[in-house]
């Protein structure tokens, strides 16, 4: 089975907690973004595994409609 990788670039310069107005330090922001991307990766993997077979993914990877 082919391995597909999708990427999206994003630069986070800072964040603020809406309720308090407190600035989130960059190391904490990076930790939160890493957690969120891991969650998205895991949920996506479950959806793909539950709906598509290896043959389906190979067909998609080679551009066959």
Protein backbone atom coordinates (compact mmCIF):
# COMPACT_ATOMS: atom_id res chain seq x y z
CA UNK A 1 0.00 0.00 0.00
CA UNK A 2 1.24 3.47 -0.83
CA UNK A 3 1.84 6.00 1.91
CA UNK A 4 0.20 9.38 1.40
CA UNK A 5 1.27 12.47 3.28
CA UNK A 6 -0.60 15.75 3.38
CA UNK A 7 0.90 18.90 4.81
CA UNK A 8 -0.30 22.38 5.63
CA UNK A 9 2.05 25.09 6.72
CA UNK A 10 1.18 27.34 9.62
CA UNK A 11 3.14 29.77 11.73
CA UNK A 12 1.92 30.48 15.25
CA UNK A 13 3.49 33.61 16.65
CA UNK A 14 1.48 33.73 19.84
CA UNK A 15 -1.77 32.98 21.59
CA UNK A 16 -3.89 34.59 24.27
CA UNK A 17 -6.29 32.93 26.72
CA UNK A 18 -9.59 34.64 25.87
CA UNK A 19 -11.06 34.52 29.38
CA UNK A 20 -8.05 36.09 31.13
CA UNK A 21 -6.13 37.89 28.39
CA UNK A 22 -2.99 36.03 29.52
CA UNK A 23 -0.34 35.46 26.84
CA UNK A 24 0.46 31.78 26.26
CA UNK A 25 4.24 31.23 26.22
CA UNK A 26 5.62 29.81 22.96
CA UNK A 27 6.79 26.49 24.49
CA UNK A 28 3.28 25.87 25.85
CA UNK A 29 1.74 26.92 22.54
CA UNK A 30 3.98 24.43 20.71
CA UNK A 31 2.98 21.70 23.16
CA UNK A 32 -0.72 22.44 22.62
CA UNK A 33 -0.34 22.46 18.82
CA UNK A 34 1.52 19.13 18.97
CA UNK A 35 -1.29 17.64 21.08
CA UNK A 36 -3.94 18.88 18.65
CA UNK A 37 -2.12 17.58 15.56
CA UNK A 38 -1.69 14.19 17.26
CA UNK A 39 -5.41 14.08 18.01
CA UNK A 40 -6.27 14.95 14.41
CA UNK A 41 -3.84 12.29 13.13
CA UNK A 42 -5.35 9.59 15.36
CA UNK A 43 -8.95 10.46 14.49
CA UNK A 44 -8.14 10.56 10.78
CA UNK A 45 -6.41 7.17 10.97
CA UNK A 46 -9.52 5.65 12.58
CA UNK A 47 -11.79 7.09 9.89
CA UNK A 48 -9.57 5.89 7.04
CA UNK A 49 -9.15 2.41 8.55
CA UNK A 50 -12.88 2.08 9.11
CA UNK A 51 -13.95 3.04 5.61
CA UNK A 52 -11.21 2.27 3.09
CA UNK A 53 -9.21 -0.83 2.26
CA UNK A 54 -5.56 -0.98 1.21
CA UNK A 55 -6.69 -1.55 -2.39
CA UNK A 56 -8.89 1.57 -2.26
CA UNK A 57 -5.98 3.68 -1.00
CA UNK A 58 -3.66 2.29 -3.67
CA UNK A 59 -6.20 3.23 -6.35
CA UNK A 60 -6.44 6.76 -4.94
CA UNK A 61 -2.65 7.07 -4.76
CA UNK A 62 -2.20 6.18 -8.45
CA UNK A 63 -4.87 8.63 -9.62
CA UNK A 64 -7.45 6.05 -10.75
CA UNK A 65 -10.95 7.45 -10.21
